[in-house]
Amino acid sequence: MFTDFLNRYSPLTVQLTAVLVTMVMVAALYFGGGQPIAVGLFAAPYDKLAHLVVFAVLGVAMCLAIGLRGLAMMWFGFFCTLLVGIVDEWHQIYLPGRTSSFGDVAADAVGAALGAWAAWRGTGGGE
């Protein structure tokens, strides 16, 4: 299903859309995360699920945006997405009412890995 979606559009269209999605998501994390409404938006343990889902989507977008293929796409996309999660947690240290935790980074890492794997499989990886 994911492969059908990717095959329907030109590689440039997919890549530019992925770049736009990545930029919007990163901006939402940093600017939206700094708003008072972001404090306590998701109660535990659902906050970890939110991290996982957001970073899985970001992982797919990041992989498709970087323009690589195969395992290089998957690993580079994973590490770039994880870096966004680490910087986001560091950023939260300085925001009133927000906390930073290793558990959030772990959920980000799992989401990034799932997203990178999905992008790799969706682009024909492992075949």
N, C-alpha and C. Protein backbone atom coordinates (compact mmCIF):
# COMPACT_ATOMS: atom_id res chain seq x y z
N MET A 1 0.82 -1.19 0.00
CA MET A 1 0.00 0.00 0.00
C MET A 1 0.87 1.26 0.00
N PHE A 2 1.87 1.29 0.87
CA PHE A 2 2.79 2.43 0.92
C PHE A 2 3.56 2.54 -0.39
N THR A 3 3.98 1.40 -0.92
CA THR A 3 4.71 1.39 -2.18
C THR A 3 3.84 1.91 -3.32
N ASP A 4 2.56 1.54 -3.31
CA ASP A 4 1.63 2.05 -4.34
C ASP A 4 1.54 3.56 -4.29
N PHE A 5 1.48 4.12 -3.08
CA PHE A 5 1.43 5.56 -2.92
C PHE A 5 2.69 6.21 -3.47
N LEU A 6 3.84 5.64 -3.14
CA LEU A 6 5.10 6.20 -3.61
C LEU A 6 5.24 6.10 -5.12
N ASN A 7 4.73 5.03 -5.70
CA ASN A 7 4.83 4.84 -7.15
C ASN A 7 3.86 5.72 -7.93
N ARG A 8 2.84 6.23 -7.27
CA ARG A 8 1.85 7.05 -7.95
C ARG A 8 2.40 8.43 -8.30
N TYR A 9 3.36 8.91 -7.55
CA TYR A 9 3.90 10.25 -7.74
C TYR A 9 5.37 10.19 -8.14
N SER A 10 5.85 11.26 -8.76
CA SER A 10 7.25 11.29 -9.17
C SER A 10 8.14 11.35 -7.92
N PRO A 11 9.36 10.84 -8.03
CA PRO A 11 10.28 10.88 -6.88
C PRO A 11 10.51 12.30 -6.36
N LEU A 12 10.56 13.27 -7.27
CA LEU A 12 10.76 14.65 -6.83
C LEU A 12 9.56 15.15 -6.03
N THR A 13 8.36 14.81 -6.45
CA THR A 13 7.16 15.22 -5.72
C THR A 13 7.14 14.59 -4.33
N VAL A 14 7.48 13.31 -4.26
CA VAL A 14 7.53 12.62 -2.97
C VAL A 14 8.57 13.27 -2.07
N GLN A 15 9.76 13.55 -2.61
CA GLN A 15 10.82 14.13 -1.82
C GLN A 15 10.46 15.53 -1.33
N LEU A 16 9.92 16.36 -2.20
CA LEU A 16 9.56 17.73 -1.80
C LEU A 16 8.43 17.72 -0.77
N THR A 17 7.48 16.82 -0.93
CA THR A 17 6.40 16.69 0.06
C THR A 17 6.97 16.26 1.40
N ALA A 18 7.89 15.31 1.37
CA ALA A 18 8.52 14.83 2.60
C ALA A 18 9.33 15.93 3.28
N VAL A 19 10.01 16.76 2.50
CA VAL A 19 10.75 17.89 3.06
C VAL A 19 9.78 18.84 3.75
N LEU A 20 8.66 19.14 3.11
CA LEU A 20 7.67 20.04 3.69
C LEU A 20 7.09 19.45 4.98
N VAL A 21 6.74 18.17 4.96
CA VAL A 21 6.20 17.52 6.16
C VAL A 21 7.23 17.55 7.29
N THR A 22 8.48 17.27 6.96
CA THR A 22 9.54 17.29 7.97
C THR A 22 9.68 18.68 8.58
N MET A 23 9.69 19.71 7.74
CA MET A 23 9.85 21.08 8.25
C MET A 23 8.67 21.48 9.13
N VAL A 24 7.47 21.14 8.72
CA VAL A 24 6.27 21.48 9.51
C VAL A 24 6.29 20.75 10.85
N MET A 25 6.66 19.47 10.83
CA MET A 25 6.67 18.71 12.08
C MET A 25 7.74 19.21 13.04
N VAL A 26 8.92 19.52 12.53
CA VAL A 26 9.99 20.03 13.40
C VAL A 26 9.59 21.40 13.97
N ALA A 27 9.00 22.26 13.15
CA ALA A 27 8.54 23.56 13.63
C ALA A 27 7.46 23.39 14.69
N ALA A 28 6.55 22.44 14.47
CA ALA A 28 5.49 22.19 15.45
C ALA A 28 6.07 21.70 16.77
N LEU A 29 7.09 20.85 16.69
CA LEU A 29 7.73 20.37 17.92
C LEU A 29 8.35 21.51 18.72
N TYR A 30 9.09 22.37 18.04
CA TYR A 30 9.82 23.40 18.75
C TYR A 30 8.97 24.61 19.11
N PHE A 31 8.17 25.08 18.18
CA PHE A 31 7.35 26.26 18.47
C PHE A 31 6.09 25.88 19.22
N GLY A 32 5.44 24.81 18.78
CA GLY A 32 4.24 24.35 19.48
C GLY A 32 4.56 23.82 20.86
N GLY A 33 5.69 23.15 20.99
CA GLY A 33 6.10 22.61 22.28
C GLY A 33 6.43 23.68 23.29
N GLY A 34 6.70 24.89 22.83
CA GLY A 34 7.01 25.99 23.74
C GLY A 34 5.78 26.74 24.22
N GLN A 35 4.60 26.36 23.74
CA GLN A 35 3.37 27.04 24.14
C GLN A 35 2.84 26.46 25.45
N PRO A 36 2.17 27.26 26.26
CA PRO A 36 1.64 26.76 27.54
C PRO A 36 0.70 25.56 27.39
N ILE A 37 -0.02 25.49 26.28
CA ILE A 37 -0.95 24.36 26.09
C ILE A 37 -0.22 23.02 26.00
N ALA A 38 1.06 23.05 25.66
CA ALA A 38 1.83 21.81 25.51
C ALA A 38 2.15 21.16 26.86
N VAL A 39 2.06 21.93 27.95
CA VAL A 39 2.35 21.39 29.28
C VAL A 39 1.24 20.41 29.65
N GLY A 40 1.59 19.16 29.86
CA GLY A 40 0.61 18.15 30.27
C GLY A 40 -0.42 17.81 29.21
N LEU A 41 -0.09 18.00 27.95
CA LEU A 41 -1.03 17.74 26.86
C LEU A 41 -1.46 16.27 26.83
N PHE A 42 -0.53 15.36 27.07
CA PHE A 42 -0.82 13.94 27.13
C PHE A 42 -0.41 13.41 28.49
N ALA A 43 -1.34 12.71 29.16
CA ALA A 43 -1.04 12.12 30.46
C ALA A 43 -0.25 10.83 30.27
N ALA A 44 0.58 10.51 31.27
CA ALA A 44 1.33 9.25 31.24
C ALA A 44 0.34 8.11 31.29
N PRO A 45 0.54 7.03 30.62
CA PRO A 45 1.64 6.65 29.75
C PRO A 45 1.39 7.02 28.28
N TYR A 46 0.31 7.76 28.02
CA TYR A 46 -0.03 8.10 26.63
C TYR A 46 0.96 9.08 26.02
N ASP A 47 1.71 9.79 26.85
CA ASP A 47 2.73 10.70 26.31
C ASP A 47 3.80 9.93 25.55
N LYS A 48 4.14 8.74 26.02
CA LYS A 48 5.14 7.92 25.33
C LYS A 48 4.59 7.43 23.99
N LEU A 49 3.31 7.09 23.96
CA LEU A 49 2.68 6.67 22.72
C LEU A 49 2.66 7.83 21.73
N ALA A 50 2.39 9.04 22.23
CA ALA A 50 2.40 10.23 21.35
C ALA A 50 3.78 10.45 20.78
N HIS A 51 4.82 10.32 21.61
CA HIS A 51 6.20 10.45 21.12
C HIS A 51 6.47 9.42 20.03
N LEU A 52 6.09 8.18 20.28
CA LEU A 52 6.35 7.11 19.33
C LEU A 52 5.67 7.39 17.99
N VAL A 53 4.41 7.78 18.02
CA VAL A 53 3.67 8.02 16.77
C VAL A 53 4.24 9.22 16.02
N VAL A 54 4.48 10.32 16.73
CA VAL A 54 5.01 11.52 16.08
C VAL A 54 6.36 11.24 15.44
N PHE A 55 7.22 10.53 16.15
CA PHE A 55 8.56 10.28 15.61
C PHE A 55 8.57 9.17 14.56
N ALA A 56 7.57 8.31 14.55
CA ALA A 56 7.46 7.34 13.45
C ALA A 56 7.09 8.07 12.16
N VAL A 57 6.14 8.99 12.25
CA VAL A 57 5.76 9.78 11.06
C VAL A 57 6.93 10.65 10.62
N LEU A 58 7.59 11.29 11.58
CA LEU A 58 8.76 12.11 11.25
C LEU A 58 9.87 11.26 10.64
N GLY A 59 10.03 10.04 11.13
CA GLY A 59 11.05 9.14 10.58
C GLY A 59 10.80 8.80 9.12
N VAL A 60 9.55 8.52 8.79
CA VAL A 60 9.21 8.24 7.39
C VAL A 60 9.50 9.47 6.54
N ALA A 61 9.00 10.63 7.00
CA ALA A 61 9.19 11.87 6.23
C ALA A 61 10.67 12.20 6.07
N MET A 62 11.43 12.06 7.14
CA MET A 62 12.85 12.37 7.09
C MET A 62 13.58 11.46 6.10
N CYS A 63 13.26 10.17 6.13
CA CYS A 63 13.90 9.22 5.21
C CYS A 63 13.59 9.58 3.76
N LEU A 64 12.35 9.89 3.48
CA LEU A 64 11.97 10.21 2.11
C LEU A 64 12.51 11.57 1.68
N ALA A 65 12.77 12.45 2.63
CA ALA A 65 13.25 13.80 2.31
C ALA A 65 14.74 13.84 1.98
N ILE A 66 15.52 12.91 2.51
CA ILE A 66 16.97 13.04 2.37
C ILE A 66 17.50 12.65 1.00
N GLY A 67 16.71 11.93 0.21
CA GLY A 67 17.12 11.63 -1.15
C GLY A 67 18.05 10.45 -1.32
N LEU A 68 18.27 9.70 -0.26
CA LEU A 68 19.08 8.49 -0.37
C LEU A 68 18.18 7.29 -0.61
N ARG A 69 18.76 6.15 -0.83
CA ARG A 69 18.00 4.91 -1.02
C ARG A 69 18.64 3.79 -0.21
N GLY A 70 17.88 2.75 0.01
CA GLY A 70 18.39 1.55 0.67
C GLY A 70 18.69 1.76 2.15
N LEU A 71 19.68 0.99 2.61
CA LEU A 71 20.04 1.05 4.03
C LEU A 71 20.60 2.40 4.43
N ALA A 72 21.27 3.09 3.50
CA ALA A 72 21.79 4.43 3.82
C ALA A 72 20.64 5.37 4.16
N MET A 73 19.54 5.29 3.42
CA MET A 73 18.37 6.11 3.71
C MET A 73 17.83 5.78 5.09
N MET A 74 17.68 4.48 5.36
CA MET A 74 17.10 4.07 6.64
C MET A 74 17.94 4.53 7.82
N TRP A 75 19.25 4.27 7.78
CA TRP A 75 20.09 4.63 8.91
C TRP A 75 20.27 6.13 9.06
N PHE A 76 20.49 6.83 7.96
CA PHE A 76 20.66 8.28 8.05
C PHE A 76 19.36 8.93 8.51
N GLY A 77 18.24 8.47 7.97
CA GLY A 77 16.94 8.99 8.39
C GLY A 77 16.67 8.73 9.87
N PHE A 78 17.00 7.52 10.32
CA PHE A 78 16.83 7.18 11.73
C PHE A 78 17.64 8.11 12.62
N PHE A 79 18.93 8.26 12.33
CA PHE A 79 19.79 9.08 13.18
C PHE A 79 19.41 10.56 13.14
N CYS A 80 19.01 11.06 11.98
CA CYS A 80 18.55 12.46 11.90
C CYS A 80 17.28 12.67 12.72
N THR A 81 16.36 11.71 12.63
CA THR A 81 15.11 11.80 13.40
C THR A 81 15.40 11.71 14.89
N LEU A 82 16.27 10.80 15.28
CA LEU A 82 16.65 10.68 16.69
C LEU A 82 17.32 11.96 17.19
N LEU A 83 18.13 12.57 16.35
CA LEU A 83 18.77 13.83 16.73
C LEU A 83 17.73 14.91 17.00
N VAL A 84 16.68 14.96 16.19
CA VAL A 84 15.60 15.92 16.43
C VAL A 84 14.97 15.65 17.80
N GLY A 85 14.76 14.38 18.14
CA GLY A 85 14.19 14.04 19.44
C GLY A 85 15.08 14.43 20.60
N ILE A 86 16.38 14.21 20.46
CA ILE A 86 17.32 14.57 21.51
C ILE A 86 17.37 16.08 21.70
N VAL A 87 17.43 16.82 20.60
CA VAL A 87 17.45 18.28 20.70
C VAL A 87 16.13 18.81 21.27
N ASP A 88 15.02 18.17 20.91
CA ASP A 88 13.72 18.58 21.46
C ASP A 88 13.69 18.38 22.97
N GLU A 89 14.20 17.26 23.45
CA GLU A 89 14.23 17.03 24.90
C GLU A 89 15.17 18.02 25.59
N TRP A 90 16.29 18.33 24.98
CA TRP A 90 17.20 19.33 25.54
C TRP A 90 16.51 20.69 25.59
N HIS A 91 15.77 21.03 24.54
CA HIS A 91 15.04 22.29 24.47
C HIS A 91 14.01 22.39 25.59
N GLN A 92 13.39 21.28 25.94
CA GLN A 92 12.36 21.29 26.97
C GLN A 92 12.89 21.62 28.36
N ILE A 93 14.18 21.43 28.57
CA ILE A 93 14.78 21.77 29.87
C ILE A 93 14.56 23.24 30.18
N TYR A 94 14.54 24.07 29.14
CA TYR A 94 14.47 25.51 29.30
C TYR A 94 13.04 26.05 29.21
N LEU A 95 12.06 25.19 29.07
CA LEU A 95 10.67 25.64 28.94
C LEU A 95 9.94 25.48 30.26
N PRO A 96 9.23 26.53 30.70
CA PRO A 96 8.50 26.44 31.97
C PRO A 96 7.42 25.37 31.92
N GLY A 97 7.40 24.53 32.94
CA GLY A 97 6.39 23.49 33.05
C GLY A 97 6.70 22.22 32.27
N ARG A 98 7.72 22.24 31.43
CA ARG A 98 8.08 21.06 30.64
C ARG A 98 9.23 20.34 31.30
N THR A 99 9.29 19.04 31.08
CA THR A 99 10.39 18.24 31.62
C THR A 99 11.01 17.43 30.49
N SER A 100 12.23 17.07 30.70
CA SER A 100 12.96 16.25 29.74
C SER A 100 13.21 14.90 30.39
N SER A 101 13.11 13.82 29.61
CA SER A 101 13.35 12.51 30.22
C SER A 101 13.97 11.55 29.21
N PHE A 102 14.70 10.61 29.76
CA PHE A 102 15.28 9.55 28.93
C PHE A 102 14.18 8.70 28.32
N GLY A 103 13.07 8.51 29.07
CA GLY A 103 11.95 7.73 28.56
C GLY A 103 11.36 8.33 27.29
N ASP A 104 11.31 9.66 27.24
CA ASP A 104 10.83 10.33 26.02
C ASP A 104 11.78 10.10 24.86
N VAL A 105 13.08 10.18 25.13
CA VAL A 105 14.07 9.93 24.07
C VAL A 105 13.98 8.48 23.60
N ALA A 106 13.74 7.56 24.53
CA ALA A 106 13.60 6.14 24.15
C ALA A 106 12.37 5.95 23.27
N ALA A 107 11.26 6.58 23.62
CA ALA A 107 10.05 6.49 22.79
C ALA A 107 10.29 7.13 21.42
N ASP A 108 11.03 8.25 21.41
CA ASP A 108 11.40 8.89 20.14
C ASP A 108 12.23 7.93 19.29
N ALA A 109 13.18 7.24 19.92
CA ALA A 109 14.07 6.32 19.21
C ALA A 109 13.28 5.15 18.62
N VAL A 110 12.35 4.60 19.39
CA VAL A 110 11.53 3.50 18.88
C VAL A 110 10.68 3.98 17.70
N GLY A 111 10.07 5.15 17.84
CA GLY A 111 9.28 5.71 16.74
C GLY A 111 10.13 5.99 15.52
N ALA A 112 11.31 6.57 15.72
CA ALA A 112 12.22 6.86 14.60
C ALA A 112 12.63 5.57 13.90
N ALA A 113 12.90 4.53 14.68
CA ALA A 113 13.29 3.24 14.10
C ALA A 113 12.14 2.64 13.30
N LEU A 114 10.93 2.69 13.84
CA LEU A 114 9.78 2.15 13.11
C LEU A 114 9.52 2.94 11.82
N GLY A 115 9.62 4.25 11.91
CA GLY A 115 9.41 5.08 10.73
C GLY A 115 10.47 4.85 9.67
N ALA A 116 11.72 4.76 10.09
CA ALA A 116 12.82 4.52 9.14
C ALA A 116 12.68 3.15 8.50
N TRP A 117 12.30 2.17 9.30
CA TRP A 117 12.11 0.82 8.77
C TRP A 117 10.95 0.81 7.77
N ALA A 118 9.85 1.49 8.10
CA ALA A 118 8.69 1.54 7.21
C ALA A 118 9.06 2.22 5.88
N ALA A 119 9.83 3.29 5.95
CA ALA A 119 10.25 3.98 4.73
C ALA A 119 11.15 3.07 3.90
N TRP A 120 12.07 2.38 4.55
CA TRP A 120 12.97 1.47 3.85
C TRP A 120 12.19 0.35 3.17
N ARG A 121 11.25 -0.26 3.90
CA ARG A 121 10.43 -1.34 3.33
C ARG A 121 9.53 -0.81 2.22
N GLY A 122 8.99 0.38 2.41
CA GLY A 122 8.08 0.97 1.43
C GLY A 122 8.76 1.37 0.13
N THR A 123 10.05 1.58 0.20
CA THR A 123 10.79 1.94 -1.02
C THR A 123 11.51 0.73 -1.61
N GLY A 124 11.12 -0.45 -1.19
CA GLY A 124 11.68 -1.66 -1.79
C GLY A 124 12.82 -2.27 -1.03
N GLY A 125 13.09 -1.82 0.17
CA GLY A 125 14.18 -2.39 0.97
C GLY A 125 13.91 -3.83 1.35
N GLY A 126 14.93 -4.61 1.35
CA GLY A 126 14.82 -6.01 1.77
C GLY A 126 14.26 -6.94 0.72
N GLU A 127 14.08 -6.45 -0.49
CA GLU A 127 13.54 -7.33 -1.55
C GLU A 127 14.64 -7.89 -2.40
